[in-house]
Amino acid sequence: YGVWCQVHQEDSSLFISLPIDIPEDEMNKIGVALRGTPGIVDVWG
């Protein structure tokens, strides 16, 4: 599902769009990966 994502930066936020049919566990994997990226404070959606 990640290959279809879109990312847009605006000031101090990254706005990420993912396919509507992405399962919850895949969203959680992505959230964990982003939280481990230096400079990213928090992730929610």
PDB file of all heavy atoms in Angstrom:
ATOM      1  N   TYR A   1       0.808  -1.219   0.000  1.00  0.00           N
ATOM      2  CA  TYR A   1       0.000   0.000   0.000  1.00  0.00           C
ATOM      3  C   TYR A   1       0.847   1.277   0.000  1.00  0.00           C
ATOM      4  O   TYR A   1       0.410   2.315  -0.486  1.00  0.00           O
ATOM      5  CB  TYR A   1      -0.922   0.022   1.220  1.00  0.00           C
ATOM      6  CG  TYR A   1      -1.956  -1.069   1.195  1.00  0.00           C
ATOM      7  CD1 TYR A   1      -1.689  -2.317   1.771  1.00  0.00           C
ATOM      8  CD2 TYR A   1      -3.180  -0.876   0.579  1.00  0.00           C
ATOM      9  CE1 TYR A   1      -2.623  -3.329   1.743  1.00  0.00           C
ATOM     10  CE2 TYR A   1      -4.132  -1.879   0.547  1.00  0.00           C
ATOM     11  CZ  TYR A   1      -3.856  -3.106   1.125  1.00  0.00           C
ATOM     12  OH  TYR A   1      -4.790  -4.116   1.082  1.00  0.00           O
ATOM     13  N   GLY A   2       2.050   1.189   0.553  1.00  0.00           N
ATOM     14  CA  GLY A   2       2.885   2.380   0.679  1.00  0.00           C
ATOM     15  C   GLY A   2       3.297   3.000  -0.630  1.00  0.00           C
ATOM     16  O   GLY A   2       3.533   4.202  -0.716  1.00  0.00           O
ATOM     17  N   VAL A   3       3.394   2.191  -1.684  1.00  0.00           N
ATOM     18  CA  VAL A   3       3.834   2.729  -2.970  1.00  0.00           C
ATOM     19  C   VAL A   3       2.826   3.713  -3.546  1.00  0.00           C
ATOM     20  O   VAL A   3       3.137   4.484  -4.447  1.00  0.00           O
ATOM     21  CB  VAL A   3       4.082   1.594  -3.986  1.00  0.00           C
ATOM     22  CG1 VAL A   3       5.267   0.751  -3.574  1.00  0.00           C
ATOM     23  CG2 VAL A   3       2.833   0.733  -4.154  1.00  0.00           C
ATOM     24  N   TRP A   4       1.592   3.699  -3.037  1.00  0.00           N
ATOM     25  CA  TRP A   4       0.564   4.596  -3.553  1.00  0.00           C
ATOM     26  C   TRP A   4       0.435   5.868  -2.733  1.00  0.00           C
ATOM     27  O   TRP A   4      -0.403   6.709  -3.010  1.00  0.00           O
ATOM     28  CB  TRP A   4      -0.796   3.874  -3.574  1.00  0.00           C
ATOM     29  CG  TRP A   4      -0.786   2.648  -4.418  1.00  0.00           C
ATOM     30  CD1 TRP A   4      -0.716   1.353  -3.999  1.00  0.00           C
ATOM     31  CD2 TRP A   4      -0.831   2.586  -5.846  1.00  0.00           C
ATOM     32  NE1 TRP A   4      -0.717   0.487  -5.061  1.00  0.00           N
ATOM     33  CE2 TRP A   4      -0.790   1.222  -6.221  1.00  0.00           C
ATOM     34  CE3 TRP A   4      -0.902   3.553  -6.852  1.00  0.00           C
ATOM     35  CZ2 TRP A   4      -0.807   0.808  -7.547  1.00  0.00           C
ATOM     36  CZ3 TRP A   4      -0.917   3.140  -8.177  1.00  0.00           C
ATOM     37  CH2 TRP A   4      -0.873   1.777  -8.507  1.00  0.00           C
ATOM     38  N   CYS A   5       1.255   6.020  -1.712  1.00  0.00           N
ATOM     39  CA  CYS A   5       1.082   7.160  -0.816  1.00  0.00           C
ATOM     40  C   CYS A   5       1.467   8.476  -1.482  1.00  0.00           C
ATOM     41  O   CYS A   5       2.236   8.511  -2.444  1.00  0.00           O
ATOM     42  CB  CYS A   5       1.917   6.965   0.457  1.00  0.00           C
ATOM     43  SG  CYS A   5       3.681   7.206   0.212  1.00  0.00           S
ATOM     44  N   GLN A   6       0.917   9.535  -0.949  1.00  0.00           N
ATOM     45  CA  GLN A   6       1.262  10.886  -1.372  1.00  0.00           C
ATOM     46  C   GLN A   6       1.645  11.671  -0.132  1.00  0.00           C
ATOM     47  O   GLN A   6       1.010  11.532   0.911  1.00  0.00           O
ATOM     48  CB  GLN A   6       0.092  11.555  -2.083  1.00  0.00           C
ATOM     49  CG  GLN A   6      -0.344  10.837  -3.351  1.00  0.00           C
ATOM     50  CD  GLN A   6      -1.565  11.488  -3.970  1.00  0.00           C
ATOM     51  OE1 GLN A   6      -1.868  12.640  -3.687  1.00  0.00           O
ATOM     52  NE2 GLN A   6      -2.275  10.755  -4.800  1.00  0.00           N
ATOM     53  N   VAL A   7       2.684  12.492  -0.238  1.00  0.00           N
ATOM     54  CA  VAL A   7       3.180  13.244   0.913  1.00  0.00           C
ATOM     55  C   VAL A   7       3.265  14.724   0.551  1.00  0.00           C
ATOM     56  O   VAL A   7       3.779  15.091  -0.495  1.00  0.00           O
ATOM     57  CB  VAL A   7       4.571  12.742   1.362  1.00  0.00           C
ATOM     58  CG1 VAL A   7       5.057  13.536   2.568  1.00  0.00           C
ATOM     59  CG2 VAL A   7       4.518  11.260   1.692  1.00  0.00           C
ATOM     60  N   HIS A   8       2.742  15.563   1.446  1.00  0.00           N
ATOM     61  CA  HIS A   8       2.785  17.011   1.242  1.00  0.00           C
ATOM     62  C   HIS A   8       3.200  17.676   2.542  1.00  0.00           C
ATOM     63  O   HIS A   8       2.601  17.435   3.588  1.00  0.00           O
ATOM     64  CB  HIS A   8       1.408  17.527   0.808  1.00  0.00           C
ATOM     65  CG  HIS A   8       1.311  19.024   0.805  1.00  0.00           C
ATOM     66  ND1 HIS A   8       2.030  19.814  -0.061  1.00  0.00           N
ATOM     67  CD2 HIS A   8       0.583  19.870   1.575  1.00  0.00           C
ATOM     68  CE1 HIS A   8       1.751  21.076   0.172  1.00  0.00           C
ATOM     69  NE2 HIS A   8       0.875  21.138   1.161  1.00  0.00           N
ATOM     70  N   GLN A   9       4.262  18.498   2.479  1.00  0.00           N
ATOM     71  CA  GLN A   9       4.731  19.198   3.677  1.00  0.00           C
ATOM     72  C   GLN A   9       4.159  20.605   3.713  1.00  0.00           C
ATOM     73  O   GLN A   9       4.163  21.325   2.721  1.00  0.00           O
ATOM     74  CB  GLN A   9       6.258  19.280   3.707  1.00  0.00           C
ATOM     75  CG  GLN A   9       6.776  19.980   4.964  1.00  0.00           C
ATOM     76  CD  GLN A   9       8.276  19.998   5.055  1.00  0.00           C
ATOM     77  OE1 GLN A   9       8.959  19.203   4.429  1.00  0.00           O
ATOM     78  NE2 GLN A   9       8.817  20.915   5.822  1.00  0.00           N
ATOM     79  N   GLU A  10       3.660  20.974   4.876  1.00  0.00           N
ATOM     80  CA  GLU A  10       3.126  22.320   5.061  1.00  0.00           C
ATOM     81  C   GLU A  10       3.527  22.788   6.450  1.00  0.00           C
ATOM     82  O   GLU A  10       3.052  22.273   7.464  1.00  0.00           O
ATOM     83  CB  GLU A  10       1.605  22.293   4.911  1.00  0.00           C
ATOM     84  CG  GLU A  10       0.991  23.681   4.779  1.00  0.00           C
ATOM     85  CD  GLU A  10      -0.483  23.605   4.407  1.00  0.00           C
ATOM     86  OE1 GLU A  10      -0.784  23.084   3.319  1.00  0.00           O
ATOM     87  OE2 GLU A  10      -1.304  24.049   5.219  1.00  0.00           O
ATOM     88  N   ASP A  11       4.433  23.766   6.476  1.00  0.00           N
ATOM     89  CA  ASP A  11       4.980  24.270   7.745  1.00  0.00           C
ATOM     90  C   ASP A  11       5.563  23.117   8.553  1.00  0.00           C
ATOM     91  O   ASP A  11       6.479  22.459   8.097  1.00  0.00           O
ATOM     92  CB  ASP A  11       3.894  25.007   8.534  1.00  0.00           C
ATOM     93  CG  ASP A  11       3.423  26.255   7.795  1.00  0.00           C
ATOM     94  OD1 ASP A  11       4.243  26.848   7.089  1.00  0.00           O
ATOM     95  OD2 ASP A  11       2.252  26.615   7.917  1.00  0.00           O
ATOM     96  N   SER A  12       5.010  22.838   9.739  1.00  0.00           N
ATOM     97  CA  SER A  12       5.608  21.822  10.607  1.00  0.00           C
ATOM     98  C   SER A  12       4.857  20.498  10.557  1.00  0.00           C
ATOM     99  O   SER A  12       4.942  19.702  11.490  1.00  0.00           O
ATOM    100  CB  SER A  12       5.642  22.326  12.060  1.00  0.00           C
ATOM    101  OG  SER A  12       4.322  22.594  12.507  1.00  0.00           O
ATOM    102  N   SER A  13       4.128  20.244   9.478  1.00  0.00           N
ATOM    103  CA  SER A  13       3.379  18.990   9.362  1.00  0.00           C
ATOM    104  C   SER A  13       3.613  18.335   8.013  1.00  0.00           C
ATOM    105  O   SER A  13       3.865  19.002   7.010  1.00  0.00           O
ATOM    106  CB  SER A  13       1.874  19.234   9.536  1.00  0.00           C
ATOM    107  OG  SER A  13       1.580  19.606  10.863  1.00  0.00           O
ATOM    108  N   LEU A  14       3.555  17.019   8.027  1.00  0.00           N
ATOM    109  CA  LEU A  14       3.535  16.227   6.794  1.00  0.00           C
ATOM    110  C   LEU A  14       2.133  15.659   6.661  1.00  0.00           C
ATOM    111  O   LEU A  14       1.630  15.013   7.578  1.00  0.00           O
ATOM    112  CB  LEU A  14       4.553  15.079   6.858  1.00  0.00           C
ATOM    113  CG  LEU A  14       6.030  15.438   6.916  1.00  0.00           C
ATOM    114  CD1 LEU A  14       6.862  14.176   7.124  1.00  0.00           C
ATOM    115  CD2 LEU A  14       6.469  16.136   5.641  1.00  0.00           C
ATOM    116  N   PHE A  15       1.488  15.909   5.533  1.00  0.00           N
ATOM    117  CA  PHE A  15       0.160  15.368   5.295  1.00  0.00           C
ATOM    118  C   PHE A  15       0.290  14.204   4.314  1.00  0.00           C
ATOM    119  O   PHE A  15       0.774  14.373   3.194  1.00  0.00           O
ATOM    120  CB  PHE A  15      -0.768  16.451   4.744  1.00  0.00           C
ATOM    121  CG  PHE A  15      -1.024  17.548   5.745  1.00  0.00           C
ATOM    122  CD1 PHE A  15      -0.278  18.711   5.718  1.00  0.00           C
ATOM    123  CD2 PHE A  15      -1.984  17.398   6.729  1.00  0.00           C
ATOM    124  CE1 PHE A  15      -0.496  19.721   6.647  1.00  0.00           C
ATOM    125  CE2 PHE A  15      -2.213  18.396   7.661  1.00  0.00           C
ATOM    126  CZ  PHE A  15      -1.467  19.557   7.613  1.00  0.00           C
ATOM    127  N   ILE A  16      -0.101  13.030   4.773  1.00  0.00           N
ATOM    128  CA  ILE A  16       0.112  11.799   4.016  1.00  0.00           C
ATOM    129  C   ILE A  16      -1.238  11.189   3.644  1.00  0.00           C
ATOM    130  O   ILE A  16      -2.122  11.074   4.490  1.00  0.00           O
ATOM    131  CB  ILE A  16       0.935  10.791   4.848  1.00  0.00           C
ATOM    132  CG1 ILE A  16       2.274  11.434   5.243  1.00  0.00           C
ATOM    133  CG2 ILE A  16       1.155   9.487   4.087  1.00  0.00           C
ATOM    134  CD1 ILE A  16       2.945  10.776   6.414  1.00  0.00           C
ATOM    135  N   SER A  17      -1.386  10.842   2.375  1.00  0.00           N
ATOM    136  CA  SER A  17      -2.610  10.196   1.906  1.00  0.00           C
ATOM    137  C   SER A  17      -2.300   8.751   1.539  1.00  0.00           C
ATOM    138  O   SER A  17      -1.309   8.481   0.857  1.00  0.00           O
ATOM    139  CB  SER A  17      -3.173  10.935   0.681  1.00  0.00           C
ATOM    140  OG  SER A  17      -3.523  12.254   1.023  1.00  0.00           O
ATOM    141  N   LEU A  18      -3.148   7.848   2.002  1.00  0.00           N
ATOM    142  CA  LEU A  18      -2.970   6.423   1.741  1.00  0.00           C
ATOM    143  C   LEU A  18      -4.270   5.857   1.174  1.00  0.00           C
ATOM    144  O   LEU A  18      -5.348   6.415   1.412  1.00  0.00           O
ATOM    145  CB  LEU A  18      -2.594   5.692   3.032  1.00  0.00           C
ATOM    146  CG  LEU A  18      -1.213   6.059   3.590  1.00  0.00           C
ATOM    147  CD1 LEU A  18      -1.165   5.822   5.081  1.00  0.00           C
ATOM    148  CD2 LEU A  18      -0.126   5.267   2.888  1.00  0.00           C
ATOM    149  N   PRO A  19      -4.199   4.759   0.408  1.00  0.00           N
ATOM    150  CA  PRO A  19      -5.414   4.191  -0.198  1.00  0.00           C
ATOM    151  C   PRO A  19      -6.488   3.896   0.837  1.00  0.00           C
ATOM    152  O   PRO A  19      -6.203   3.475   1.960  1.00  0.00           O
ATOM    153  CB  PRO A  19      -4.906   2.893  -0.854  1.00  0.00           C
ATOM    154  CG  PRO A  19      -3.467   3.159  -1.125  1.00  0.00           C
ATOM    155  CD  PRO A  19      -2.996   4.017   0.016  1.00  0.00           C
ATOM    156  N   ILE A  20      -7.735   4.111   0.466  1.00  0.00           N
ATOM    157  CA  ILE A  20      -8.860   3.962   1.386  1.00  0.00           C
ATOM    158  C   ILE A  20      -9.014   2.530   1.882  1.00  0.00           C
ATOM    159  O   ILE A  20      -9.503   2.286   2.983  1.00  0.00           O
ATOM    160  CB  ILE A  20     -10.173   4.432   0.703  1.00  0.00           C
ATOM    161  CG1 ILE A  20     -11.294   4.605   1.734  1.00  0.00           C
ATOM    162  CG2 ILE A  20     -10.568   3.484  -0.411  1.00  0.00           C
ATOM    163  CD1 ILE A  20     -11.096   5.751   2.659  1.00  0.00           C
ATOM    164  N   ASP A  21      -8.530   1.563   1.084  1.00  0.00           N
ATOM    165  CA  ASP A  21      -8.735   0.167   1.457  1.00  0.00           C
ATOM    166  C   ASP A  21      -7.561  -0.407   2.261  1.00  0.00           C
ATOM    167  O   ASP A  21      -7.475  -1.616   2.467  1.00  0.00           O
ATOM    168  CB  ASP A  21      -8.968  -0.689   0.206  1.00  0.00           C
ATOM    169  CG  ASP A  21      -7.802  -0.622  -0.769  1.00  0.00           C
ATOM    170  OD1 ASP A  21      -6.922   0.275  -0.594  1.00  0.00           O
ATOM    171  OD2 ASP A  21      -7.761  -1.433  -1.703  1.00  0.00           O
ATOM    172  N   ILE A  22      -6.652   0.454   2.720  1.00  0.00           N
ATOM    173  CA  ILE A  22      -5.518  -0.054   3.485  1.00  0.00           C
ATOM    174  C   ILE A  22      -6.007  -0.597   4.831  1.00  0.00           C
ATOM    175  O   ILE A  22      -6.757   0.066   5.548  1.00  0.00           O
ATOM    176  CB  ILE A  22      -4.453   1.050   3.682  1.00  0.00           C
ATOM    177  CG1 ILE A  22      -3.240   0.495   4.442  1.00  0.00           C
ATOM    178  CG2 ILE A  22      -5.023   2.251   4.397  1.00  0.00           C
ATOM    179  CD1 ILE A  22      -2.074   1.468   4.486  1.00  0.00           C
ATOM    180  N   PRO A  23      -5.596  -1.820   5.211  1.00  0.00           N
ATOM    181  CA  PRO A  23      -6.026  -2.412   6.486  1.00  0.00           C
ATOM    182  C   PRO A  23      -5.446  -1.653   7.681  1.00  0.00           C
ATOM    183  O   PRO A  23      -4.433  -0.962   7.568  1.00  0.00           O
ATOM    184  CB  PRO A  23      -5.476  -3.839   6.426  1.00  0.00           C
ATOM    185  CG  PRO A  23      -5.205  -4.091   4.980  1.00  0.00           C
ATOM    186  CD  PRO A  23      -4.825  -2.771   4.402  1.00  0.00           C
ATOM    187  N   GLU A  24      -6.089  -1.823   8.821  1.00  0.00           N
ATOM    188  CA  GLU A  24      -5.666  -1.114  10.031  1.00  0.00           C
ATOM    189  C   GLU A  24      -4.255  -1.500  10.449  1.00  0.00           C
ATOM    190  O   GLU A  24      -3.473  -0.654  10.878  1.00  0.00           O
ATOM    191  CB  GLU A  24      -6.648  -1.420  11.162  1.00  0.00           C
ATOM    192  CG  GLU A  24      -6.323  -0.675  12.453  1.00  0.00           C
ATOM    193  CD  GLU A  24      -7.329  -0.962  13.548  1.00  0.00           C
ATOM    194  OE1 GLU A  24      -8.428  -1.474  13.224  1.00  0.00           O
ATOM    195  OE2 GLU A  24      -7.008  -0.688  14.712  1.00  0.00           O
ATOM    196  N   ASP A  25      -3.916  -2.813  10.313  1.00  0.00           N
ATOM    197  CA  ASP A  25      -2.571  -3.229  10.751  1.00  0.00           C
ATOM    198  C   ASP A  25      -1.480  -2.621   9.870  1.00  0.00           C
ATOM    199  O   ASP A  25      -0.377  -2.334  10.339  1.00  0.00           O
ATOM    200  CB  ASP A  25      -2.458  -4.758  10.781  1.00  0.00           C
ATOM    201  CG  ASP A  25      -2.700  -5.379   9.419  1.00  0.00           C
ATOM    202  OD1 ASP A  25      -3.386  -4.731   8.592  1.00  0.00           O
ATOM    203  OD2 ASP A  25      -2.218  -6.493   9.176  1.00  0.00           O
ATOM    204  N   GLU A  26      -1.785  -2.392   8.583  1.00  0.00           N
ATOM    205  CA  GLU A  26      -0.802  -1.763   7.701  1.00  0.00           C
ATOM    206  C   GLU A  26      -0.620  -0.292   8.074  1.00  0.00           C
ATOM    207  O   GLU A  26       0.490   0.242   8.044  1.00  0.00           O
ATOM    208  CB  GLU A  26      -1.246  -1.885   6.240  1.00  0.00           C
ATOM    209  CG  GLU A  26      -1.275  -3.311   5.702  1.00  0.00           C
ATOM    210  CD  GLU A  26       0.099  -3.941   5.693  1.00  0.00           C
ATOM    211  OE1 GLU A  26       1.065  -3.271   5.291  1.00  0.00           O
ATOM    212  OE2 GLU A  26       0.220  -5.106   6.121  1.00  0.00           O
ATOM    213  N   MET A  27      -1.723   0.375   8.446  1.00  0.00           N
ATOM    214  CA  MET A  27      -1.636   1.759   8.909  1.00  0.00           C
ATOM    215  C   MET A  27      -0.784   1.848  10.171  1.00  0.00           C
ATOM    216  O   MET A  27       0.016   2.769  10.345  1.00  0.00           O
ATOM    217  CB  MET A  27      -3.038   2.302   9.181  1.00  0.00           C
ATOM    218  CG  MET A  27      -3.848   2.624   7.937  1.00  0.00           C
ATOM    219  SD  MET A  27      -3.345   4.171   7.133  1.00  0.00           S
ATOM    220  CE  MET A  27      -4.171   5.368   8.183  1.00  0.00           C
ATOM    221  N   ASN A  28      -0.957   0.874  11.065  1.00  0.00           N
ATOM    222  CA  ASN A  28      -0.177   0.863  12.300  1.00  0.00           C
ATOM    223  C   ASN A  28       1.314   0.683  12.022  1.00  0.00           C
ATOM    224  O   ASN A  28       2.164   1.295  12.669  1.00  0.00           O
ATOM    225  CB  ASN A  28      -0.668  -0.242  13.235  1.00  0.00           C
ATOM    226  CG  ASN A  28      -2.028   0.088  13.829  1.00  0.00           C
ATOM    227  OD1 ASN A  28      -2.366   1.250  13.987  1.00  0.00           O
ATOM    228  ND2 ASN A  28      -2.812  -0.941  14.153  1.00  0.00           N
ATOM    229  N   LYS A  29       1.638  -0.195  11.050  1.00  0.00           N
ATOM    230  CA  LYS A  29       3.044  -0.395  10.667  1.00  0.00           C
ATOM    231  C   LYS A  29       3.662   0.913  10.188  1.00  0.00           C
ATOM    232  O   LYS A  29       4.793   1.261  10.523  1.00  0.00           O
ATOM    233  CB  LYS A  29       3.141  -1.444   9.556  1.00  0.00           C
ATOM    234  CG  LYS A  29       2.881  -2.871   9.981  1.00  0.00           C
ATOM    235  CD  LYS A  29       3.030  -3.788   8.777  1.00  0.00           C
ATOM    236  CE  LYS A  29       2.647  -5.224   9.110  1.00  0.00           C
ATOM    237  NZ  LYS A  29       2.741  -6.084   7.897  1.00  0.00           N
ATOM    238  N   ILE A  30       2.888   1.627   9.369  1.00  0.00           N
ATOM    239  CA  ILE A  30       3.381   2.895   8.829  1.00  0.00           C
ATOM    240  C   ILE A  30       3.565   3.911   9.952  1.00  0.00           C
ATOM    241  O   ILE A  30       4.560   4.646   9.998  1.00  0.00           O
ATOM    242  CB  ILE A  30       2.413   3.426   7.749  1.00  0.00           C
ATOM    243  CG1 ILE A  30       2.472   2.519   6.513  1.00  0.00           C
ATOM    244  CG2 ILE A  30       2.735   4.869   7.373  1.00  0.00           C
ATOM    245  CD1 ILE A  30       1.441   2.829   5.463  1.00  0.00           C
ATOM    246  N   GLY A  31       2.612   3.951  10.874  1.00  0.00           N
ATOM    247  CA  GLY A  31       2.722   4.873  12.006  1.00  0.00           C
ATOM    248  C   GLY A  31       3.963   4.606  12.838  1.00  0.00           C
ATOM    249  O   GLY A  31       4.678   5.539  13.220  1.00  0.00           O
ATOM    250  N   VAL A  32       4.255   3.335  13.089  1.00  0.00           N
ATOM    251  CA  VAL A  32       5.452   2.958  13.864  1.00  0.00           C
ATOM    252  C   VAL A  32       6.719   3.380  13.121  1.00  0.00           C
ATOM    253  O   VAL A  32       7.662   3.924  13.709  1.00  0.00           O
ATOM    254  CB  VAL A  32       5.460   1.444  14.133  1.00  0.00           C
ATOM    255  CG1 VAL A  32       6.799   1.012  14.717  1.00  0.00           C
ATOM    256  CG2 VAL A  32       4.322   1.064  15.081  1.00  0.00           C
ATOM    257  N   ALA A  33       6.753   3.130  11.803  1.00  0.00           N
ATOM    258  CA  ALA A  33       7.930   3.480  11.000  1.00  0.00           C
ATOM    259  C   ALA A  33       8.175   4.983  11.000  1.00  0.00           C
ATOM    260  O   ALA A  33       9.316   5.438  11.113  1.00  0.00           O
ATOM    261  CB  ALA A  33       7.748   2.974   9.567  1.00  0.00           C
ATOM    262  N   LEU A  34       7.098   5.763  10.891  1.00  0.00           N
ATOM    263  CA  LEU A  34       7.244   7.216  10.870  1.00  0.00           C
ATOM    264  C   LEU A  34       7.708   7.739  12.219  1.00  0.00           C
ATOM    265  O   LEU A  34       8.538   8.650  12.299  1.00  0.00           O
ATOM    266  CB  LEU A  34       5.927   7.877  10.473  1.00  0.00           C
ATOM    267  CG  LEU A  34       5.508   7.697   9.011  1.00  0.00           C
ATOM    268  CD1 LEU A  34       4.137   8.306   8.770  1.00  0.00           C
ATOM    269  CD2 LEU A  34       6.531   8.336   8.075  1.00  0.00           C
ATOM    270  N   ARG A  35       7.180   7.172  13.301  1.00  0.00           N
ATOM    271  CA  ARG A  35       7.586   7.624  14.635  1.00  0.00           C
ATOM    272  C   ARG A  35       9.065   7.361  14.884  1.00  0.00           C
ATOM    273  O   ARG A  35       9.690   8.023  15.715  1.00  0.00           O
ATOM    274  CB  ARG A  35       6.750   6.934  15.712  1.00  0.00           C
ATOM    275  CG  ARG A  35       5.300   7.421  15.756  1.00  0.00           C
ATOM    276  CD  ARG A  35       4.541   6.873  16.958  1.00  0.00           C
ATOM    277  NE  ARG A  35       3.151   7.300  16.962  1.00  0.00           N
ATOM    278  CZ  ARG A  35       2.151   6.598  16.449  1.00  0.00           C
ATOM    279  NH1 ARG A  35       2.388   5.414  15.911  1.00  0.00           N
ATOM    280  NH2 ARG A  35       0.921   7.069  16.478  1.00  0.00           N
ATOM    281  N   GLY A  36       9.633   6.400  14.179  1.00  0.00           N
ATOM    282  CA  GLY A  36      11.057   6.107  14.339  1.00  0.00           C
ATOM    283  C   GLY A  36      11.949   6.940  13.439  1.00  0.00           C
ATOM    284  O   GLY A  36      13.167   6.766  13.432  1.00  0.00           O
ATOM    285  N   THR A  37      11.360   7.853  12.686  1.00  0.00           N
ATOM    286  CA  THR A  37      12.133   8.709  11.786  1.00  0.00           C
ATOM    287  C   THR A  37      12.602   9.963  12.521  1.00  0.00           C
ATOM    288  O   THR A  37      11.784  10.656  13.130  1.00  0.00           O
ATOM    289  CB  THR A  37      11.273   9.123  10.572  1.00  0.00           C
ATOM    290  OG1 THR A  37      10.851   7.955   9.879  1.00  0.00           O
ATOM    291  CG2 THR A  37      12.070  10.007   9.623  1.00  0.00           C
ATOM    292  N   PRO A  38      13.919  10.261  12.511  1.00  0.00           N
ATOM    293  CA  PRO A  38      14.430  11.440  13.216  1.00  0.00           C
ATOM    294  C   PRO A  38      13.718  12.713  12.767  1.00  0.00           C
ATOM    295  O   PRO A  38      13.538  12.943  11.575  1.00  0.00           O
ATOM    296  CB  PRO A  38      15.915  11.471  12.815  1.00  0.00           C
ATOM    297  CG  PRO A  38      16.233  10.043  12.482  1.00  0.00           C
ATOM    298  CD  PRO A  38      14.992   9.492  11.858  1.00  0.00           C
ATOM    299  N   GLY A  39      13.316  13.502  13.730  1.00  0.00           N
ATOM    300  CA  GLY A  39      12.675  14.774  13.421  1.00  0.00           C
ATOM    301  C   GLY A  39      11.163  14.726  13.435  1.00  0.00           C
ATOM    302  O   GLY A  39      10.510  15.764  13.460  1.00  0.00           O
ATOM    303  N   ILE A  40      10.576  13.516  13.413  1.00  0.00           N
ATOM    304  CA  ILE A  40       9.121  13.407  13.469  1.00  0.00           C
ATOM    305  C   ILE A  40       8.682  13.277  14.925  1.00  0.00           C
ATOM    306  O   ILE A  40       9.099  12.371  15.638  1.00  0.00           O
ATOM    307  CB  ILE A  40       8.620  12.215  12.633  1.00  0.00           C
ATOM    308  CG1 ILE A  40       8.842  12.520  11.147  1.00  0.00           C
ATOM    309  CG2 ILE A  40       7.151  11.930  12.902  1.00  0.00           C
ATOM    310  CD1 ILE A  40       8.264  11.499  10.200  1.00  0.00           C
ATOM    311  N   VAL A  41       7.864  14.237  15.356  1.00  0.00           N
ATOM    312  CA  VAL A  41       7.459  14.316  16.749  1.00  0.00           C
ATOM    313  C   VAL A  41       6.320  13.354  17.065  1.00  0.00           C
ATOM    314  O   VAL A  41       6.357  12.626  18.051  1.00  0.00           O
ATOM    315  CB  VAL A  41       7.034  15.764  17.104  1.00  0.00           C
ATOM    316  CG1 VAL A  41       6.608  15.858  18.566  1.00  0.00           C
ATOM    317  CG2 VAL A  41       8.180  16.723  16.821  1.00  0.00           C
ATOM    318  N   ASP A  42       5.275  13.326  16.237  1.00  0.00           N
ATOM    319  CA  ASP A  42       4.128  12.471  16.499  1.00  0.00           C
ATOM    320  C   ASP A  42       3.405  12.210  15.183  1.00  0.00           C
ATOM    321  O   ASP A  42       3.578  12.915  14.201  1.00  0.00           O
ATOM    322  CB  ASP A  42       3.189  13.125  17.506  1.00  0.00           C
ATOM    323  CG  ASP A  42       2.285  12.088  18.174  1.00  0.00           C
ATOM    324  OD1 ASP A  42       2.448  10.877  17.864  1.00  0.00           O
ATOM    325  OD2 ASP A  42       1.420  12.476  18.975  1.00  0.00           O
ATOM    326  N   VAL A  43       2.608  11.144  15.202  1.00  0.00           N
ATOM    327  CA  VAL A  43       1.843  10.744  14.028  1.00  0.00           C
ATOM    328  C   VAL A  43       0.424  10.431  14.458  1.00  0.00           C
ATOM    329  O   VAL A  43       0.219   9.755  15.461  1.00  0.00           O
ATOM    330  CB  VAL A  43       2.455   9.488  13.344  1.00  0.00           C
ATOM    331  CG1 VAL A  43       1.670   9.102  12.116  1.00  0.00           C
ATOM    332  CG2 VAL A  43       3.925   9.736  13.003  1.00  0.00           C
ATOM    333  N   TRP A  44      -0.553  10.951  13.734  1.00  0.00           N
ATOM    334  CA  TRP A  44      -1.929  10.590  14.052  1.00  0.00           C
ATOM    335  C   TRP A  44      -2.788  10.662  12.794  1.00  0.00           C
ATOM    336  O   TRP A  44      -2.400  11.240  11.784  1.00  0.00           O
ATOM    337  CB  TRP A  44      -2.497  11.481  15.157  1.00  0.00           C
ATOM    338  CG  TRP A  44      -2.601  12.935  14.809  1.00  0.00           C
ATOM    339  CD1 TRP A  44      -3.630  13.592  14.236  1.00  0.00           C
ATOM    340  CD2 TRP A  44      -1.599  13.926  15.041  1.00  0.00           C
ATOM    341  NE1 TRP A  44      -3.367  14.914  14.078  1.00  0.00           N
ATOM    342  CE2 TRP A  44      -2.104  15.152  14.575  1.00  0.00           C
ATOM    343  CE3 TRP A  44      -0.316  13.899  15.589  1.00  0.00           C
ATOM    344  CZ2 TRP A  44      -1.385  16.349  14.641  1.00  0.00           C
ATOM    345  CZ3 TRP A  44       0.386  15.079  15.636  1.00  0.00           C
ATOM    346  CH2 TRP A  44      -0.139  16.280  15.184  1.00  0.00           C
ATOM    347  N   GLY A  45      -3.955  10.057  12.849  1.00  0.00           N
ATOM    348  CA  GLY A  45      -4.875  10.051  11.718  1.00  0.00           C
ATOM    349  C   GLY A  45      -5.974   9.045  11.975  1.00  0.00           C
ATOM    350  O   GLY A  45      -6.159   8.561  13.093  1.00  0.00           O
TER     351      GLY A  45
END
